[in-house]
């Protein structure tokens, strides 16, 4: 019954890539893709799911041929072959609702640990994608699977997702930041030595250090005769 539902709910899916897939497409390390995002070479993600960033293939291919980057025909064909029913969606196109484990837990009214257990025990529909190690499901897949297993649904959460209301999500990983926005820490005060007759100066030095949120190490030293 579950497999029958699975076949009936199979739909076309936009090609999506996480950092691992982008790295494989361009024949580089995953850290290189993350660096492209940090320095602004890779634009803001087209989709955030469970806090993870994903890009449409059409977005990622804009880097092809720029700065020596090459998505070869062989690597591109291998990527597309890995997504059954995949298609190239244009940026800002109307995409299907896609869920990660966080959203799936909200829809089914369970915690993420329960969802992970169901997945490992094959008590949940297979993920429609596994990108950069994270499983993703189409909302329609999740709804059909829940009904087939007679599982309760949180209908308010379903409608919220359909309305594209995911709430605030903090994207994981490094994001691009303008150089001028990066602040450098203030320099540390110059170390000083105080004698017993400089108590007021020592007190002022400590007060200034504490006001900057610094800690101070005091090392006693014998005075020379």
C-alpha atoms as a PDB file:
ATOM      1  CA  UNK A   1       0.000   0.000   0.000  1.00  0.00           C
ATOM      2  CA  UNK A   2       2.785   2.414   0.988  1.00  0.00           C
ATOM      3  CA  UNK A   3       4.724   1.708  -2.217  1.00  0.00           C
ATOM      4  CA  UNK A   4       1.551   2.249  -4.265  1.00  0.00           C
ATOM      5  CA  UNK A   5       1.056   5.633  -2.607  1.00  0.00           C
ATOM      6  CA  UNK A   6       4.716   6.417  -3.220  1.00  0.00           C
ATOM      7  CA  UNK A   7       4.361   5.783  -6.961  1.00  0.00           C
ATOM      8  CA  UNK A   8       1.174   7.824  -7.139  1.00  0.00           C
ATOM      9  CA  UNK A   9       2.793  10.807  -5.419  1.00  0.00           C
ATOM     10  CA  UNK A  10       5.977  10.796  -7.528  1.00  0.00           C
ATOM     11  CA  UNK A  11       6.246  14.208  -9.160  1.00  0.00           C
ATOM     12  CA  UNK A  12       8.787  16.261 -11.005  1.00  0.00           C
ATOM     13  CA  UNK A  13      11.359  17.884  -8.751  1.00  0.00           C
ATOM     14  CA  UNK A  14      13.551  20.925  -9.361  1.00  0.00           C
ATOM     15  CA  UNK A  15      17.264  20.200  -9.439  1.00  0.00           C
ATOM     16  CA  UNK A  16      18.704  21.399  -6.139  1.00  0.00           C
ATOM     17  CA  UNK A  17      22.282  21.466  -4.883  1.00  0.00           C
ATOM     18  CA  UNK A  18      23.908  21.843  -1.499  1.00  0.00           C
ATOM     19  CA  UNK A  19      27.598  22.559  -0.997  1.00  0.00           C
ATOM     20  CA  UNK A  20      28.616  18.923  -1.578  1.00  0.00           C
ATOM     21  CA  UNK A  21      26.779  18.783  -4.917  1.00  0.00           C
ATOM     22  CA  UNK A  22      28.182  22.143  -6.056  1.00  0.00           C
ATOM     23  CA  UNK A  23      31.692  20.956  -5.216  1.00  0.00           C
ATOM     24  CA  UNK A  24      31.178  17.723  -7.162  1.00  0.00           C
ATOM     25  CA  UNK A  25      29.760  19.610 -10.148  1.00  0.00           C
ATOM     26  CA  UNK A  26      32.811  21.867 -10.360  1.00  0.00           C
ATOM     27  CA  UNK A  27      35.378  19.264  -9.308  1.00  0.00           C
ATOM     28  CA  UNK A  28      36.493  21.127  -6.173  1.00  0.00           C
ATOM     29  CA  UNK A  29      36.473  20.527  -2.424  1.00  0.00           C
ATOM     30  CA  UNK A  30      33.319  21.170  -0.410  1.00  0.00           C
ATOM     31  CA  UNK A  31      35.202  23.868   1.520  1.00  0.00           C
ATOM     32  CA  UNK A  32      35.729  25.700  -1.771  1.00  0.00           C
ATOM     33  CA  UNK A  33      31.975  25.927  -2.356  1.00  0.00           C
ATOM     34  CA  UNK A  34      31.559  27.214   1.194  1.00  0.00           C
ATOM     35  CA  UNK A  35      34.256  29.805   0.503  1.00  0.00           C
ATOM     36  CA  UNK A  36      32.413  30.904  -2.656  1.00  0.00           C
ATOM     37  CA  UNK A  37      29.371  31.563  -0.513  1.00  0.00           C
ATOM     38  CA  UNK A  38      31.410  33.438   2.088  1.00  0.00           C
ATOM     39  CA  UNK A  39      33.070  35.740  -0.444  1.00  0.00           C
ATOM     40  CA  UNK A  40      29.870  36.386  -2.405  1.00  0.00           C
ATOM     41  CA  UNK A  41      30.833  34.399  -5.524  1.00  0.00           C
ATOM     42  CA  UNK A  42      27.874  32.125  -4.824  1.00  0.00           C
ATOM     43  CA  UNK A  43      24.674  34.173  -4.394  1.00  0.00           C
ATOM     44  CA  UNK A  44      22.218  33.850  -1.538  1.00  0.00           C
ATOM     45  CA  UNK A  45      20.564  30.412  -1.491  1.00  0.00           C
ATOM     46  CA  UNK A  46      17.346  29.903  -3.433  1.00  0.00           C
ATOM     47  CA  UNK A  47      15.955  27.827  -0.579  1.00  0.00           C
ATOM     48  CA  UNK A  48      16.561  27.339   3.146  1.00  0.00           C
ATOM     49  CA  UNK A  49      15.300  24.055   4.587  1.00  0.00           C
ATOM     50  CA  UNK A  50      15.905  23.139   8.230  1.00  0.00           C
ATOM     51  CA  UNK A  51      18.483  25.911   8.269  1.00  0.00           C
ATOM     52  CA  UNK A  52      20.499  24.423   5.398  1.00  0.00           C
ATOM     53  CA  UNK A  53      21.135  26.390   2.172  1.00  0.00           C
ATOM     54  CA  UNK A  54      20.273  25.028  -1.278  1.00  0.00           C
ATOM     55  CA  UNK A  55      20.615  26.451  -4.762  1.00  0.00           C
ATOM     56  CA  UNK A  56      18.799  25.738  -8.032  1.00  0.00           C
ATOM     57  CA  UNK A  57      20.916  24.219 -10.771  1.00  0.00           C
ATOM     58  CA  UNK A  58      20.204  27.218 -13.002  1.00  0.00           C
ATOM     59  CA  UNK A  59      21.659  29.494 -10.305  1.00  0.00           C
ATOM     60  CA  UNK A  60      24.765  27.387  -9.825  1.00  0.00           C
ATOM     61  CA  UNK A  61      25.448  27.118 -13.571  1.00  0.00           C
ATOM     62  CA  UNK A  62      25.879  30.906 -13.735  1.00  0.00           C
ATOM     63  CA  UNK A  63      29.352  30.299 -12.276  1.00  0.00           C
ATOM     64  CA  UNK A  64      30.295  28.021 -15.175  1.00  0.00           C
ATOM     65  CA  UNK A  65      33.130  29.506 -17.217  1.00  0.00           C
ATOM     66  CA  UNK A  66      33.700  32.338 -14.729  1.00  0.00           C
ATOM     67  CA  UNK A  67      37.087  32.569 -13.020  1.00  0.00           C
ATOM     68  CA  UNK A  68      38.240  29.261 -14.445  1.00  0.00           C
ATOM     69  CA  UNK A  69      35.317  27.319 -12.959  1.00  0.00           C
ATOM     70  CA  UNK A  70      34.044  24.507 -15.162  1.00  0.00           C
ATOM     71  CA  UNK A  71      31.025  22.269 -14.763  1.00  0.00           C
ATOM     72  CA  UNK A  72      31.940  19.631 -17.331  1.00  0.00           C
ATOM     73  CA  UNK A  73      29.265  17.938 -19.418  1.00  0.00           C
ATOM     74  CA  UNK A  74      30.123  14.609 -17.769  1.00  0.00           C
ATOM     75  CA  UNK A  75      29.744  15.923 -14.223  1.00  0.00           C
ATOM     76  CA  UNK A  76      26.542  17.773 -15.141  1.00  0.00           C
ATOM     77  CA  UNK A  77      25.029  14.654 -16.691  1.00  0.00           C
ATOM     78  CA  UNK A  78      25.984  12.600 -13.626  1.00  0.00           C
ATOM     79  CA  UNK A  79      24.315  15.108 -11.327  1.00  0.00           C
ATOM     80  CA  UNK A  80      21.092  15.268 -13.332  1.00  0.00           C
ATOM     81  CA  UNK A  81      20.930  11.484 -13.573  1.00  0.00           C
ATOM     82  CA  UNK A  82      20.963  11.320  -9.766  1.00  0.00           C
ATOM     83  CA  UNK A  83      17.587  13.110  -9.430  1.00  0.00           C
ATOM     84  CA  UNK A  84      14.722  11.101 -10.859  1.00  0.00           C
ATOM     85  CA  UNK A  85      12.110  13.400 -12.351  1.00  0.00           C
ATOM     86  CA  UNK A  86      14.390  16.411 -12.011  1.00  0.00           C
ATOM     87  CA  UNK A  87      13.968  19.577 -14.045  1.00  0.00           C
ATOM     88  CA  UNK A  88      15.785  22.908 -14.319  1.00  0.00           C
ATOM     89  CA  UNK A  89      13.689  25.473 -12.506  1.00  0.00           C
ATOM     90  CA  UNK A  90      14.328  29.153 -13.029  1.00  0.00           C
ATOM     91  CA  UNK A  91      15.218  31.369 -10.056  1.00  0.00           C
ATOM     92  CA  UNK A  92      12.161  32.778  -8.302  1.00  0.00           C
ATOM     93  CA  UNK A  93       9.970  30.188 -10.032  1.00  0.00           C
ATOM     94  CA  UNK A  94       7.101  28.682  -8.076  1.00  0.00           C
ATOM     95  CA  UNK A  95       8.763  25.718  -6.387  1.00  0.00           C
ATOM     96  CA  UNK A  96       7.097  22.808  -4.607  1.00  0.00           C
ATOM     97  CA  UNK A  97       7.125  22.944  -0.806  1.00  0.00           C
ATOM     98  CA  UNK A  98      10.184  21.062   0.436  1.00  0.00           C
ATOM     99  CA  UNK A  99      10.716  19.873   4.002  1.00  0.00           C
ATOM    100  CA  UNK A 100      13.693  18.808   6.049  1.00  0.00           C
ATOM    101  CA  UNK A 101      13.554  16.893   9.308  1.00  0.00           C
ATOM    102  CA  UNK A 102      12.774  20.073  11.277  1.00  0.00           C
ATOM    103  CA  UNK A 103       9.690  20.902   9.179  1.00  0.00           C
ATOM    104  CA  UNK A 104       8.670  17.251   8.993  1.00  0.00           C
ATOM    105  CA  UNK A 105       8.625  17.061  12.788  1.00  0.00           C
ATOM    106  CA  UNK A 106       6.394  20.138  12.911  1.00  0.00           C
ATOM    107  CA  UNK A 107       3.956  18.731  10.352  1.00  0.00           C
ATOM    108  CA  UNK A 108       3.698  15.377  12.136  1.00  0.00           C
ATOM    109  CA  UNK A 109       3.698  16.823  15.657  1.00  0.00           C
ATOM    110  CA  UNK A 110       6.729  14.832  16.777  1.00  0.00           C
ATOM    111  CA  UNK A 111      10.288  15.687  17.751  1.00  0.00           C
ATOM    112  CA  UNK A 112      13.181  15.381  15.319  1.00  0.00           C
ATOM    113  CA  UNK A 113      14.550  12.310  17.093  1.00  0.00           C
ATOM    114  CA  UNK A 114      11.281  10.438  16.457  1.00  0.00           C
ATOM    115  CA  UNK A 115      11.383  11.394  12.774  1.00  0.00           C
ATOM    116  CA  UNK A 116      14.962  10.156  12.499  1.00  0.00           C
ATOM    117  CA  UNK A 117      14.004   6.855  14.134  1.00  0.00           C
ATOM    118  CA  UNK A 118      11.072   6.377  11.726  1.00  0.00           C
ATOM    119  CA  UNK A 119      13.366   7.061   8.807  1.00  0.00           C
ATOM    120  CA  UNK A 120      16.017   4.575   9.902  1.00  0.00           C
ATOM    121  CA  UNK A 121      13.352   1.919  10.584  1.00  0.00           C
ATOM    122  CA  UNK A 122      11.791   2.454   7.133  1.00  0.00           C
ATOM    123  CA  UNK A 123       8.589   3.706   8.785  1.00  0.00           C
ATOM    124  CA  UNK A 124       8.619   6.848   6.682  1.00  0.00           C
ATOM    125  CA  UNK A 125       8.535   7.561   2.972  1.00  0.00           C
ATOM    126  CA  UNK A 126      11.948   7.633   1.341  1.00  0.00           C
ATOM    127  CA  UNK A 127      13.362  11.130   1.051  1.00  0.00           C
ATOM    128  CA  UNK A 128      12.859  12.753  -2.349  1.00  0.00           C
ATOM    129  CA  UNK A 129      16.375  14.180  -2.105  1.00  0.00           C
ATOM    130  CA  UNK A 130      19.484  13.555  -0.043  1.00  0.00           C
ATOM    131  CA  UNK A 131      21.614  16.664  -0.490  1.00  0.00           C
ATOM    132  CA  UNK A 132      24.914  17.235   1.266  1.00  0.00           C
ATOM    133  CA  UNK A 133      23.962  14.398   3.609  1.00  0.00           C
ATOM    134  CA  UNK A 134      20.545  15.833   4.584  1.00  0.00           C
ATOM    135  CA  UNK A 135      17.217  14.212   3.602  1.00  0.00           C
ATOM    136  CA  UNK A 136      14.502  16.377   2.022  1.00  0.00           C
ATOM    137  CA  UNK A 137      10.886  15.561   1.228  1.00  0.00           C
ATOM    138  CA  UNK A 138       8.221  17.132  -0.945  1.00  0.00           C
ATOM    139  CA  UNK A 139       5.232  18.161   1.162  1.00  0.00           C
ATOM    140  CA  UNK A 140       2.917  16.065  -1.023  1.00  0.00           C
ATOM    141  CA  UNK A 141       5.075  12.986  -0.358  1.00  0.00           C
ATOM    142  CA  UNK A 142       4.841  13.543   3.402  1.00  0.00           C
ATOM    143  CA  UNK A 143       1.074  14.093   3.366  1.00  0.00           C
ATOM    144  CA  UNK A 144       0.360  10.997   1.285  1.00  0.00           C
ATOM    145  CA  UNK A 145       2.626   8.865   3.470  1.00  0.00           C
ATOM    146  CA  UNK A 146       1.027  10.118   6.696  1.00  0.00           C
ATOM    147  CA  UNK A 147      -2.471   9.374   5.418  1.00  0.00           C
ATOM    148  CA  UNK A 148      -1.467   5.880   4.271  1.00  0.00           C
ATOM    149  CA  UNK A 149      -0.053   5.155   7.747  1.00  0.00           C
ATOM    150  CA  UNK A 150      -2.996   6.838   9.502  1.00  0.00           C
ATOM    151  CA  UNK A 151      -0.740   9.379  11.199  1.00  0.00           C
ATOM    152  CA  UNK A 152      -2.097  12.625  12.585  1.00  0.00           C
ATOM    153  CA  UNK A 153      -1.158  15.841  10.800  1.00  0.00           C
ATOM    154  CA  UNK A 154      -0.740  19.319  12.204  1.00  0.00           C
ATOM    155  CA  UNK A 155      -2.928  21.077   9.634  1.00  0.00           C
ATOM    156  CA  UNK A 156      -1.970  24.575  10.790  1.00  0.00           C
ATOM    157  CA  UNK A 157       1.668  23.747  10.117  1.00  0.00           C
ATOM    158  CA  UNK A 158       0.779  22.343   6.699  1.00  0.00           C
ATOM    159  CA  UNK A 159      -1.070  25.509   5.728  1.00  0.00           C
ATOM    160  CA  UNK A 160       1.742  27.669   7.069  1.00  0.00           C
ATOM    161  CA  UNK A 161       4.257  25.846   4.881  1.00  0.00           C
ATOM    162  CA  UNK A 162       1.987  26.061   1.868  1.00  0.00           C
ATOM    163  CA  UNK A 163       1.850  29.811   2.455  1.00  0.00           C
ATOM    164  CA  UNK A 164       5.696  29.812   2.439  1.00  0.00           C
ATOM    165  CA  UNK A 165       5.776  30.874   6.080  1.00  0.00           C
ATOM    166  CA  UNK A 166       8.728  29.046   7.557  1.00  0.00           C
ATOM    167  CA  UNK A 167       9.489  31.599  10.240  1.00  0.00           C
ATOM    168  CA  UNK A 168      12.958  32.968  10.889  1.00  0.00           C
ATOM    169  CA  UNK A 169      15.687  30.547   9.948  1.00  0.00           C
ATOM    170  CA  UNK A 170      19.324  31.048  10.770  1.00  0.00           C
ATOM    171  CA  UNK A 171      21.296  29.637   7.839  1.00  0.00           C
ATOM    172  CA  UNK A 172      24.071  27.283   8.798  1.00  0.00           C
ATOM    173  CA  UNK A 173      27.584  27.715   7.532  1.00  0.00           C
ATOM    174  CA  UNK A 174      29.457  30.796   6.477  1.00  0.00           C
ATOM    175  CA  UNK A 175      27.677  33.626   4.754  1.00  0.00           C
ATOM    176  CA  UNK A 176      29.123  36.513   2.807  1.00  0.00           C
ATOM    177  CA  UNK A 177      29.838  39.659   4.773  1.00  0.00           C
ATOM    178  CA  UNK A 178      31.156  42.951   3.408  1.00  0.00           C
ATOM    179  CA  UNK A 179      34.744  43.589   4.472  1.00  0.00           C
ATOM    180  CA  UNK A 180      33.792  46.935   5.982  1.00  0.00           C
ATOM    181  CA  UNK A 181      31.321  45.202   8.282  1.00  0.00           C
ATOM    182  CA  UNK A 182      34.009  43.025   9.836  1.00  0.00           C
ATOM    183  CA  UNK A 183      35.184  44.705  13.014  1.00  0.00           C
ATOM    184  CA  UNK A 184      38.654  44.151  14.424  1.00  0.00           C
ATOM    185  CA  UNK A 185      39.122  43.719  18.187  1.00  0.00           C
ATOM    186  CA  UNK A 186      40.517  46.704  20.035  1.00  0.00           C
ATOM    187  CA  UNK A 187      44.251  46.478  20.800  1.00  0.00           C
ATOM    188  CA  UNK A 188      45.184  45.357  24.281  1.00  0.00           C
ATOM    189  CA  UNK A 189      46.598  47.941  26.707  1.00  0.00           C
ATOM    190  CA  UNK A 190      50.388  48.076  26.972  1.00  0.00           C
ATOM    191  CA  UNK A 191      51.568  45.971  29.963  1.00  0.00           C
ATOM    192  CA  UNK A 192      52.664  48.060  32.922  1.00  0.00           C
ATOM    193  CA  UNK A 193      54.504  47.525  36.187  1.00  0.00           C
ATOM    194  CA  UNK A 194      53.345  49.291  39.333  1.00  0.00           C
ATOM    195  CA  UNK A 195      55.169  49.745  42.603  1.00  0.00           C
ATOM    196  CA  UNK A 196      53.560  49.986  46.044  1.00  0.00           C
ATOM    197  CA  UNK A 197      53.503  53.751  45.900  1.00  0.00           C
ATOM    198  CA  UNK A 198      51.497  53.710  42.607  1.00  0.00           C
ATOM    199  CA  UNK A 199      48.294  52.241  43.998  1.00  0.00           C
ATOM    200  CA  UNK A 200      46.044  54.893  42.463  1.00  0.00           C
ATOM    201  CA  UNK A 201      47.544  54.356  38.995  1.00  0.00           C
ATOM    202  CA  UNK A 202      47.220  50.600  39.337  1.00  0.00           C
ATOM    203  CA  UNK A 203      43.573  50.968  40.348  1.00  0.00           C
ATOM    204  CA  UNK A 204      42.858  53.205  37.339  1.00  0.00           C
ATOM    205  CA  UNK A 205      44.588  50.724  34.985  1.00  0.00           C
ATOM    206  CA  UNK A 206      42.501  47.843  36.313  1.00  0.00           C
ATOM    207  CA  UNK A 207      39.283  49.844  36.072  1.00  0.00           C
ATOM    208  CA  UNK A 208      39.990  50.728  32.422  1.00  0.00           C
ATOM    209  CA  UNK A 209      40.795  47.092  31.574  1.00  0.00           C
ATOM    210  CA  UNK A 210      37.630  45.792  33.219  1.00  0.00           C
ATOM    211  CA  UNK A 211      35.548  48.432  31.425  1.00  0.00           C
ATOM    212  CA  UNK A 212      36.751  46.931  28.108  1.00  0.00           C
ATOM    213  CA  UNK A 213      35.671  43.459  29.197  1.00  0.00           C
ATOM    214  CA  UNK A 214      39.273  42.314  29.661  1.00  0.00           C
ATOM    215  CA  UNK A 215      40.712  40.073  32.329  1.00  0.00           C
ATOM    216  CA  UNK A 216      43.956  40.926  34.099  1.00  0.00           C
ATOM    217  CA  UNK A 217      46.675  38.587  35.352  1.00  0.00           C
ATOM    218  CA  UNK A 218      48.699  39.941  38.292  1.00  0.00           C
ATOM    219  CA  UNK A 219      52.224  38.558  38.683  1.00  0.00           C
ATOM    220  CA  UNK A 220      54.018  39.716  41.847  1.00  0.00           C
ATOM    221  CA  UNK A 221      57.648  40.680  41.292  1.00  0.00           C
ATOM    222  CA  UNK A 222      60.313  41.539  43.829  1.00  0.00           C
ATOM    223  CA  UNK A 223      61.574  45.066  43.708  1.00  0.00           C
ATOM    224  CA  UNK A 224      65.251  45.573  43.175  1.00  0.00           C
ATOM    225  CA  UNK A 225      67.034  46.927  46.284  1.00  0.00           C
END
